[in-house]
C-alpha atoms as a PDB file:
ATOM      1  CA  MET A   1       8.911 -15.526  17.573  1.00  0.00           C
ATOM      2  CA  ASN A   2      10.295 -18.736  18.930  1.00  0.00           C
ATOM      3  CA  ASN A   3       9.359 -22.047  17.339  1.00  0.00           C
ATOM      4  CA  LYS A   4       8.343 -23.791  20.560  1.00  0.00           C
ATOM      5  CA  THR A   5       4.665 -24.545  20.879  1.00  0.00           C
ATOM      6  CA  ILE A   6       3.154 -23.757  24.265  1.00  0.00           C
ATOM      7  CA  THR A   7       1.441 -26.850  25.637  1.00  0.00           C
ATOM      8  CA  THR A   8      -1.015 -27.016  28.503  1.00  0.00           C
ATOM      9  CA  GLU A   9      -2.152 -30.610  28.378  1.00  0.00           C
ATOM     10  CA  GLY A  10      -3.593 -31.842  31.674  1.00  0.00           C
ATOM     11  CA  HIS A  11      -3.754 -28.479  33.468  1.00  0.00           C
ATOM     12  CA  GLU A  12      -5.118 -24.969  33.203  1.00  0.00           C
ATOM     13  CA  PRO A  13      -2.562 -22.606  31.600  1.00  0.00           C
ATOM     14  CA  SER A  14      -1.004 -20.103  33.968  1.00  0.00           C
ATOM     15  CA  VAL A  15      -1.331 -16.335  33.524  1.00  0.00           C
ATOM     16  CA  GLU A  16       2.256 -16.284  32.238  1.00  0.00           C
ATOM     17  CA  GLN A  17       1.449 -18.950  29.654  1.00  0.00           C
ATOM     18  CA  LYS A  18      -1.665 -17.068  28.598  1.00  0.00           C
ATOM     19  CA  LEU A  19       0.278 -13.827  28.238  1.00  0.00           C
ATOM     20  CA  ARG A  20       3.085 -15.541  26.351  1.00  0.00           C
ATOM     21  CA  ALA A  21       0.545 -17.206  24.051  1.00  0.00           C
ATOM     22  CA  LEU A  22      -1.286 -13.928  23.576  1.00  0.00           C
ATOM     23  CA  TYR A  23       1.902 -12.123  22.614  1.00  0.00           C
ATOM     24  CA  GLU A  24       2.905 -14.923  20.241  1.00  0.00           C
ATOM     25  CA  LEU A  25      -0.587 -14.699  18.762  1.00  0.00           C
ATOM     26  CA  GLN A  26       0.016 -11.016  18.099  1.00  0.00           C
ATOM     27  CA  VAL A  27       3.304 -11.817  16.355  1.00  0.00           C
ATOM     28  CA  VAL A  28       1.482 -14.360  14.192  1.00  0.00           C
ATOM     29  CA  ASP A  29      -1.285 -11.814  13.535  1.00  0.00           C
ATOM     30  CA  THR A  30       1.333  -9.302  12.414  1.00  0.00           C
ATOM     31  CA  GLU A  31       2.959 -11.801  10.046  1.00  0.00           C
ATOM     32  CA  ILE A  32      -0.410 -12.730   8.542  1.00  0.00           C
ATOM     33  CA  HIS A  33      -1.186  -9.033   8.126  1.00  0.00           C
ATOM     34  CA  LYS A  34       2.119  -8.548   6.283  1.00  0.00           C
ATOM     35  CA  LEU A  35       1.233 -11.363   3.885  1.00  0.00           C
ATOM     36  CA  LYS A  36      -2.178  -9.817   3.285  1.00  0.00           C
ATOM     37  CA  THR A  37      -0.515  -6.465   2.717  1.00  0.00           C
ATOM     38  CA  LEU A  38       1.532  -8.064  -0.066  1.00  0.00           C
ATOM     39  CA  ARG A  39      -1.729  -8.833  -1.822  1.00  0.00           C
ATOM     40  CA  GLY A  40      -2.790  -5.245  -1.245  1.00  0.00           C
ATOM     41  CA  ASP A  41      -6.186  -4.389  -2.715  1.00  0.00           C
ATOM     42  CA  LEU A  42      -5.878  -7.078  -5.388  1.00  0.00           C
ATOM     43  CA  PRO A  43      -8.567  -9.372  -3.891  1.00  0.00           C
ATOM     44  CA  ASN A  44     -11.027  -6.452  -3.684  1.00  0.00           C
ATOM     45  CA  GLU A  45     -10.055  -5.253  -7.165  1.00  0.00           C
ATOM     46  CA  VAL A  46     -10.618  -8.757  -8.567  1.00  0.00           C
ATOM     47  CA  GLU A  47     -14.000  -8.952  -6.831  1.00  0.00           C
ATOM     48  CA  ASP A  48     -15.012  -5.507  -8.134  1.00  0.00           C
ATOM     49  CA  LEU A  49     -13.926  -6.391 -11.679  1.00  0.00           C
ATOM     50  CA  GLU A  50     -15.875  -9.656 -11.591  1.00  0.00           C
ATOM     51  CA  ALA A  51     -18.982  -7.721 -10.488  1.00  0.00           C
ATOM     52  CA  GLU A  52     -18.431  -5.119 -13.234  1.00  0.00           C
ATOM     53  CA  ILE A  53     -18.027  -7.847 -15.864  1.00  0.00           C
ATOM     54  CA  GLU A  54     -21.223  -9.521 -14.695  1.00  0.00           C
ATOM     55  CA  GLY A  55     -23.021  -6.174 -14.936  1.00  0.00           C
ATOM     56  CA  VAL A  56     -21.733  -5.494 -18.476  1.00  0.00           C
ATOM     57  CA  GLU A  57     -22.673  -9.014 -19.593  1.00  0.00           C
ATOM     58  CA  LEU A  58     -26.211  -8.507 -18.256  1.00  0.00           C
ATOM     59  CA  ARG A  59     -26.477  -5.172 -20.115  1.00  0.00           C
ATOM     60  CA  ILE A  60     -25.298  -6.806 -23.352  1.00  0.00           C
ATOM     61  CA  LYS A  61     -27.798  -9.641 -22.939  1.00  0.00           C
ATOM     62  CA  LYS A  62     -30.613  -7.136 -22.287  1.00  0.00           C
ATOM     63  CA  MET A  63     -29.649  -5.134 -25.396  1.00  0.00           C
ATOM     64  CA  GLU A  64     -29.558  -8.312 -27.492  1.00  0.00           C
ATOM     65  CA  GLU A  65     -33.065  -9.187 -26.292  1.00  0.00           C
ATOM     66  CA  ASP A  66     -34.263  -5.624 -27.035  1.00  0.00           C
ATOM     67  CA  VAL A  67     -32.843  -5.802 -30.580  1.00  0.00           C
ATOM     68  CA  LYS A  68     -34.576  -9.145 -31.192  1.00  0.00           C
ATOM     69  CA  ASN A  69     -37.872  -7.709 -29.933  1.00  0.00           C
ATOM     70  CA  LEU A  70     -37.509  -4.656 -32.180  1.00  0.00           C
ATOM     71  CA  GLN A  71     -36.681  -6.837 -35.178  1.00  0.00           C
ATOM     72  CA  HIS A  72     -39.790  -8.880 -34.436  1.00  0.00           C
ATOM     73  CA  LEU A  73     -41.858  -5.678 -34.291  1.00  0.00           C
ATOM     74  CA  ILE A  74     -40.402  -4.553 -37.642  1.00  0.00           C
ATOM     75  CA  GLN A  75     -41.365  -7.877 -39.216  1.00  0.00           C
ATOM     76  CA  LYS A  76     -44.855  -7.491 -37.778  1.00  0.00           C
ATOM     77  CA  LYS A  77     -45.215  -3.949 -39.155  1.00  0.00           C
ATOM     78  CA  GLU A  78     -43.894  -5.039 -42.555  1.00  0.00           C
ATOM     79  CA  GLN A  79     -46.531  -7.768 -42.619  1.00  0.00           C
ATOM     80  CA  GLU A  80     -49.199  -5.205 -41.727  1.00  0.00           C
ATOM     81  CA  LYS A  81     -47.910  -2.998 -44.572  1.00  0.00           C
ATOM     82  CA  LYS A  82     -48.220  -5.911 -46.936  1.00  0.00           C
ATOM     83  CA  GLU A  83     -51.791  -6.489 -45.799  1.00  0.00           C
ATOM     84  CA  CYS A  84     -52.598  -2.783 -46.288  1.00  0.00           C
ATOM     85  CA  LYS A  85     -51.263  -2.935 -49.863  1.00  0.00           C
ATOM     86  CA  GLU A  86     -53.352  -6.023 -50.521  1.00  0.00           C
ATOM     87  CA  HIS A  87     -56.419  -4.170 -49.275  1.00  0.00           C
ATOM     88  CA  ILE A  88     -55.610  -1.239 -51.564  1.00  0.00           C
ATOM     89  CA  LYS A  89     -55.223  -3.565 -54.524  1.00  0.00           C
ATOM     90  CA  LYS A  90     -58.567  -5.186 -53.690  1.00  0.00           C
ATOM     91  CA  TYR A  91     -60.342  -1.817 -53.330  1.00  0.00           C
ATOM     92  CA  GLU A  92     -58.864  -0.564 -56.624  1.00  0.00           C
ATOM     93  CA  THR A  93     -60.168  -3.684 -58.359  1.00  0.00           C
ATOM     94  CA  GLN A  94     -63.611  -3.114 -56.818  1.00  0.00           C
ATOM     95  CA  GLN A  95     -63.577   0.499 -58.026  1.00  0.00           C
ATOM     96  CA  ASN A  96     -63.495  -0.747 -61.596  1.00  0.00           C
ATOM     97  CA  LYS A  97     -66.739  -2.607 -60.976  1.00  0.00           C
ATOM     98  CA  VAL A  98     -68.790   0.005 -59.088  1.00  0.00           C
ATOM     99  CA  LYS A  99     -72.086   1.274 -60.546  1.00  0.00           C
ATOM    100  CA  ASN A 100     -72.234   4.713 -58.977  1.00  0.00           C
ATOM    101  CA  SER A 101     -70.010   7.498 -57.644  1.00  0.00           C
ATOM    102  CA  ARG A 102     -71.068   6.923 -54.029  1.00  0.00           C
ATOM    103  CA  GLU A 103     -69.576   3.426 -54.012  1.00  0.00           C
ATOM    104  CA  PHE A 104     -66.479   4.733 -55.789  1.00  0.00           C
ATOM    105  CA  ASP A 105     -65.964   7.508 -53.206  1.00  0.00           C
ATOM    106  CA  SER A 106     -66.443   5.014 -50.358  1.00  0.00           C
ATOM    107  CA  LEU A 107     -63.773   2.729 -51.771  1.00  0.00           C
ATOM    108  CA  ASN A 108     -61.514   5.719 -52.362  1.00  0.00           C
ATOM    109  CA  LYS A 109     -61.747   6.662 -48.678  1.00  0.00           C
ATOM    110  CA  GLU A 110     -60.754   3.121 -47.739  1.00  0.00           C
ATOM    111  CA  ILE A 111     -57.744   3.379 -50.049  1.00  0.00           C
ATOM    112  CA  GLU A 112     -56.753   6.715 -48.468  1.00  0.00           C
ATOM    113  CA  TYR A 113     -57.091   5.185 -45.003  1.00  0.00           C
ATOM    114  CA  GLN A 114     -54.875   2.243 -45.962  1.00  0.00           C
ATOM    115  CA  ASN A 115     -52.252   4.631 -47.398  1.00  0.00           C
ATOM    116  CA  LEU A 116     -52.266   6.577 -44.115  1.00  0.00           C
ATOM    117  CA  GLU A 117     -51.848   3.298 -42.249  1.00  0.00           C
ATOM    118  CA  ILE A 118     -48.875   2.449 -44.472  1.00  0.00           C
ATOM    119  CA  GLN A 119     -47.274   5.847 -43.712  1.00  0.00           C
ATOM    120  CA  LEU A 120     -47.769   5.296 -39.971  1.00  0.00           C
ATOM    121  CA  LEU A 121     -46.327   1.782 -40.199  1.00  0.00           C
ATOM    122  CA  GLU A 122     -43.318   3.056 -42.171  1.00  0.00           C
ATOM    123  CA  LYS A 123     -42.713   5.707 -39.495  1.00  0.00           C
ATOM    124  CA  LYS A 124     -42.800   3.032 -36.785  1.00  0.00           C
ATOM    125  CA  VAL A 125     -40.384   0.865 -38.795  1.00  0.00           C
ATOM    126  CA  ARG A 126     -38.004   3.845 -39.106  1.00  0.00           C
ATOM    127  CA  ASP A 127     -38.250   4.472 -35.340  1.00  0.00           C
ATOM    128  CA  PHE A 128     -37.603   0.799 -34.558  1.00  0.00           C
ATOM    129  CA  THR A 129     -34.685   0.730 -37.019  1.00  0.00           C
ATOM    130  CA  HIS A 130     -33.189   3.833 -35.364  1.00  0.00           C
ATOM    131  CA  GLN A 131     -33.566   2.187 -31.914  1.00  0.00           C
ATOM    132  CA  ILE A 132     -31.847  -0.954 -33.200  1.00  0.00           C
ATOM    133  CA  SER A 133     -28.972   1.123 -34.599  1.00  0.00           C
ATOM    134  CA  ASP A 134     -28.650   2.974 -31.279  1.00  0.00           C
ATOM    135  CA  LYS A 135     -28.689  -0.239 -29.247  1.00  0.00           C
ATOM    136  CA  GLU A 136     -26.203  -1.974 -31.569  1.00  0.00           C
ATOM    137  CA  GLY A 137     -23.858   1.000 -31.173  1.00  0.00           C
ATOM    138  CA  LYS A 138     -24.107   0.787 -27.381  1.00  0.00           C
ATOM    139  CA  GLN A 139     -23.739  -2.978 -27.578  1.00  0.00           C
ATOM    140  CA  LYS A 140     -20.533  -2.553 -29.577  1.00  0.00           C
ATOM    141  CA  GLU A 141     -19.173  -0.181 -26.917  1.00  0.00           C
ATOM    142  CA  ALA A 142     -20.202  -2.611 -24.160  1.00  0.00           C
ATOM    143  CA  ASN A 143     -18.477  -5.524 -25.932  1.00  0.00           C
ATOM    144  CA  ALA A 144     -15.267  -3.477 -26.212  1.00  0.00           C
ATOM    145  CA  GLN A 145     -15.561  -2.586 -22.523  1.00  0.00           C
ATOM    146  CA  LEU A 146     -16.158  -6.251 -21.681  1.00  0.00           C
ATOM    147  CA  ILE A 147     -13.000  -7.330 -23.528  1.00  0.00           C
ATOM    148  CA  GLU A 148     -11.010  -4.624 -21.725  1.00  0.00           C
ATOM    149  CA  LYS A 149     -12.386  -5.602 -18.304  1.00  0.00           C
ATOM    150  CA  LYS A 150     -11.724  -9.301 -18.904  1.00  0.00           C
ATOM    151  CA  GLU A 151      -8.112  -8.591 -19.931  1.00  0.00           C
ATOM    152  CA  GLU A 152      -7.643  -6.453 -16.812  1.00  0.00           C
ATOM    153  CA  LEU A 153      -9.164  -9.219 -14.670  1.00  0.00           C
ATOM    154  CA  MET A 154      -6.872 -11.823 -16.246  1.00  0.00           C
ATOM    155  CA  HIS A 155      -3.768  -9.756 -15.392  1.00  0.00           C
ATOM    156  CA  LYS A 156      -4.931  -9.080 -11.822  1.00  0.00           C
ATOM    157  CA  LEU A 157      -5.816 -12.748 -11.276  1.00  0.00           C
ATOM    158  CA  LYS A 158      -2.374 -13.730 -12.552  1.00  0.00           C
ATOM    159  CA  ASP A 159      -0.692 -11.306 -10.113  1.00  0.00           C
ATOM    160  CA  LEU A 160      -2.906 -12.454  -7.240  1.00  0.00           C
ATOM    161  CA  ASN A 161      -2.327 -16.150  -7.966  1.00  0.00           C
ATOM    162  CA  GLU A 162       1.452 -15.619  -8.090  1.00  0.00           C
ATOM    163  CA  ILE A 163       1.429 -13.862  -4.711  1.00  0.00           C
ATOM    164  CA  GLN A 164      -0.868 -16.482  -3.177  1.00  0.00           C
ATOM    165  CA  HIS A 165       1.302 -19.288  -4.531  1.00  0.00           C
ATOM    166  CA  GLU A 166       4.399 -17.712  -2.988  1.00  0.00           C
ATOM    167  CA  THR A 167       2.793 -17.111   0.411  1.00  0.00           C
ATOM    168  CA  GLN A 168       0.263 -19.950   0.700  1.00  0.00           C
ATOM    169  CA  LYS A 169       2.462 -22.419   2.597  1.00  0.00           C
ATOM    170  CA  GLU A 170       3.718 -19.733   4.976  1.00  0.00           C
ATOM    171  CA  GLU A 171       0.181 -18.456   5.610  1.00  0.00           C
ATOM    172  CA  GLU A 172      -1.133 -21.977   6.244  1.00  0.00           C
ATOM    173  CA  GLY A 173       1.639 -22.535   8.801  1.00  0.00           C
ATOM    174  CA  LEU A 174       0.825 -19.253  10.520  1.00  0.00           C
ATOM    175  CA  MET A 175      -2.888 -20.051  10.620  1.00  0.00           C
ATOM    176  CA  GLU A 176      -2.165 -23.441  12.183  1.00  0.00           C
ATOM    177  CA  LYS A 177       0.019 -21.751  14.803  1.00  0.00           C
ATOM    178  CA  TYR A 178      -2.756 -19.211  15.387  1.00  0.00           C
ATOM    179  CA  LYS A 179      -5.298 -21.974  16.086  1.00  0.00           C
ATOM    180  CA  GLN A 180      -2.931 -23.664  18.569  1.00  0.00           C
ATOM    181  CA  LEU A 181      -2.396 -20.437  20.476  1.00  0.00           C
ATOM    182  CA  GLU A 182      -6.112 -19.600  20.536  1.00  0.00           C
ATOM    183  CA  LYS A 183      -6.790 -22.781  22.516  1.00  0.00           C
ATOM    184  CA  ILE A 184      -4.606 -21.548  25.364  1.00  0.00           C
ATOM    185  CA  ILE A 185      -6.109 -18.072  25.655  1.00  0.00           C
ATOM    186  CA  ASP A 186      -9.267 -17.351  27.608  1.00  0.00           C
ATOM    187  CA  PRO A 187     -12.062 -16.367  25.132  1.00  0.00           C
ATOM    188  CA  ARG A 188     -12.773 -13.099  26.962  1.00  0.00           C
ATOM    189  CA  LEU A 189      -9.094 -12.170  26.939  1.00  0.00           C
ATOM    190  CA  LEU A 190      -8.897 -13.058  23.241  1.00  0.00           C
ATOM    191  CA  LEU A 191     -11.936 -10.894  22.510  1.00  0.00           C
ATOM    192  CA  ALA A 192     -10.427  -7.986  24.456  1.00  0.00           C
ATOM    193  CA  TYR A 193      -7.149  -8.372  22.542  1.00  0.00           C
ATOM    194  CA  LYS A 194      -8.912  -8.335  19.179  1.00  0.00           C
ATOM    195  CA  ARG A 195     -10.989  -5.303  20.160  1.00  0.00           C
ATOM    196  CA  ILE A 196      -7.894  -3.367  21.242  1.00  0.00           C
ATOM    197  CA  ARG A 197      -5.901  -4.453  18.181  1.00  0.00           C
ATOM    198  CA  ASN A 198      -8.625  -3.274  15.824  1.00  0.00           C
ATOM    199  CA  SER A 199      -8.973   0.074  17.581  1.00  0.00           C
ATOM    200  CA  VAL A 200      -5.332   1.248  17.524  1.00  0.00           C
ATOM    201  CA  VAL A 201      -3.309   2.507  14.574  1.00  0.00           C
ATOM    202  CA  ASN A 202      -0.259   0.260  15.069  1.00  0.00           C
ATOM    203  CA  ARG A 203      -2.519  -2.797  15.636  1.00  0.00           C
ATOM    204  CA  LEU A 204      -0.666  -3.759  18.836  1.00  0.00           C
ATOM    205  CA  GLY A 205      -2.975  -5.048  21.561  1.00  0.00           C
ATOM    206  CA  VAL A 206      -0.114  -6.426  23.708  1.00  0.00           C
ATOM    207  CA  VAL A 207       2.906  -4.276  24.533  1.00  0.00           C
ATOM    208  CA  ALA A 208       5.910  -4.538  26.835  1.00  0.00           C
ATOM    209  CA  VAL A 209       6.701  -2.127  29.653  1.00  0.00           C
ATOM    210  CA  GLU A 210       9.693  -0.008  28.558  1.00  0.00           C
ATOM    211  CA  ARG A 211      11.517   2.224  31.021  1.00  0.00           C
ATOM    212  CA  GLY A 212       8.514   2.150  33.336  1.00  0.00           C
ATOM    213  CA  ALA A 213       6.093   3.235  30.616  1.00  0.00           C
ATOM    214  CA  CYS A 214       3.479   1.576  28.414  1.00  0.00           C
ATOM    215  CA  GLY A 215       5.058   0.497  25.139  1.00  0.00           C
ATOM    216  CA  GLY A 216       1.929   1.612  23.303  1.00  0.00           C
ATOM    217  CA  CYS A 217       0.936   5.055  24.585  1.00  0.00           C
ATOM    218  CA  HIS A 218       4.180   5.751  26.549  1.00  0.00           C
ATOM    219  CA  ASN A 219       2.362   6.849  29.696  1.00  0.00           C
ATOM    220  CA  MET A 220       4.151   6.023  32.964  1.00  0.00           C
ATOM    221  CA  ILE A 221       2.980   2.983  34.938  1.00  0.00           C
ATOM    222  CA  PRO A 222       2.940   3.089  38.781  1.00  0.00           C
ATOM    223  CA  PRO A 223       5.652   0.944  40.444  1.00  0.00           C
ATOM    224  CA  GLN A 224       3.122  -1.381  42.121  1.00  0.00           C
ATOM    225  CA  ARG A 225       1.452  -2.140  38.782  1.00  0.00           C
ATOM    226  CA  GLN A 226       4.901  -2.765  37.246  1.00  0.00           C
ATOM    227  CA  LEU A 227       5.526  -5.305  40.025  1.00  0.00           C
ATOM    228  CA  ASP A 228       2.156  -6.977  39.319  1.00  0.00           C
ATOM    229  CA  ILE A 229       3.099  -7.182  35.639  1.00  0.00           C
ATOM    230  CA  ARG A 230       6.463  -8.813  36.426  1.00  0.00           C
ATOM    231  CA  THR A 231       4.954 -11.435  38.748  1.00  0.00           C
ATOM    232  CA  HIS A 232       2.478 -12.656  36.096  1.00  0.00           C
ATOM    233  CA  LYS A 233      -0.221 -13.183  38.707  1.00  0.00           C
ATOM    234  CA  LYS A 234      -2.982 -11.432  36.758  1.00  0.00           C
ATOM    235  CA  ILE A 235      -3.685  -9.705  33.475  1.00  0.00           C
ATOM    236  CA  ILE A 236      -2.843  -6.004  33.663  1.00  0.00           C
ATOM    237  CA  VAL A 237      -4.009  -3.449  31.110  1.00  0.00           C
ATOM    238  CA  CYS A 238      -2.810   0.107  30.603  1.00  0.00           C
ATOM    239  CA  GLU A 239      -5.222   2.476  32.325  1.00  0.00           C
ATOM    240  CA  TYR A 240      -4.654   5.057  29.569  1.00  0.00           C
ATOM    241  CA  CYS A 241      -4.847   3.142  26.271  1.00  0.00           C
ATOM    242  CA  GLY A 242      -6.304  -0.219  27.357  1.00  0.00           C
ATOM    243  CA  ARG A 243      -3.484  -2.308  25.864  1.00  0.00           C
ATOM    244  CA  ILE A 244      -2.541  -5.558  27.612  1.00  0.00           C
ATOM    245  CA  LEU A 245       0.837  -5.168  29.332  1.00  0.00           C
ATOM    246  CA  ILE A 246       3.697  -7.683  29.633  1.00  0.00           C
ATOM    247  CA  ASP A 247       7.113  -7.297  31.231  1.00  0.00           C
ATOM    248  CA  LYS A 248      10.305  -6.945  29.243  1.00  0.00           C
ATOM    249  CA  GLU A 249      11.599 -10.368  30.300  1.00  0.00           C
ATOM    250  CA  LEU A 250       8.512 -12.160  28.974  1.00  0.00           C
ATOM    251  CA  TYR A 251       8.730 -10.104  25.766  1.00  0.00           C
ATOM    252  CA  GLU A 252      12.412 -10.975  25.249  1.00  0.00           C
ATOM    253  CA  GLY A 253      11.766 -14.624  26.218  1.00  0.00           C
ATOM    254  CA  THR A 254       9.109 -14.892  23.523  1.00  0.00           C
ATOM    255  CA  HIS A 255      11.563 -13.547  20.953  1.00  0.00           C
ATOM    256  CA  SER A 256      14.476 -15.720  22.017  1.00  0.00           C
END
């Protein structure tokens, strides 16, 4: 690509200027794509890792909250156990003061009930303790996973930052050139170019005529259409693949 900037101050750009600008835009597009290819999937990988880390951190926080809630429940059940034992002690003291067997049996039933309550509370404490152990084990695994993910993210960020640092100035220059060229090109033509570029494998929306054939799909172009292409009077597209066609001289002039 030549380094001359196409200017159209004070007048509407000609078809030739539009075509030249469009082809230069494609060259710039290709260079930007190459720079992005250098980064590869790193930006997406960094984004995915950041999302994974956020997810793991949320899981760890949820497990920490669950453990605290379970510990609170254990404390509550232990307090209830203590109250049950106090009731038993009180009933046993009352048994020593009863005057008949009916009162004694009634107090004995209360003591049995409190002992059953204690057994139930102890079972719940064991269940809660087992849940805490299970969650702490999973939390330990999640913390190890978090450390691993953060180390991986650090390395990928380092690689990405190095590549971006090396290519930033070049990419900024290309983007500035891209904006200048966009101003010259008719919006509908620009939209058509982008649509074609995104729909073909080699990402070429503008191609030169080579040996009487389309430089994209290689189908032959009628002589009259070749003449129209050379005269730069209107925009001509390939009737087979839809690519925008330019003549060899304009193509070589853009590269000179």
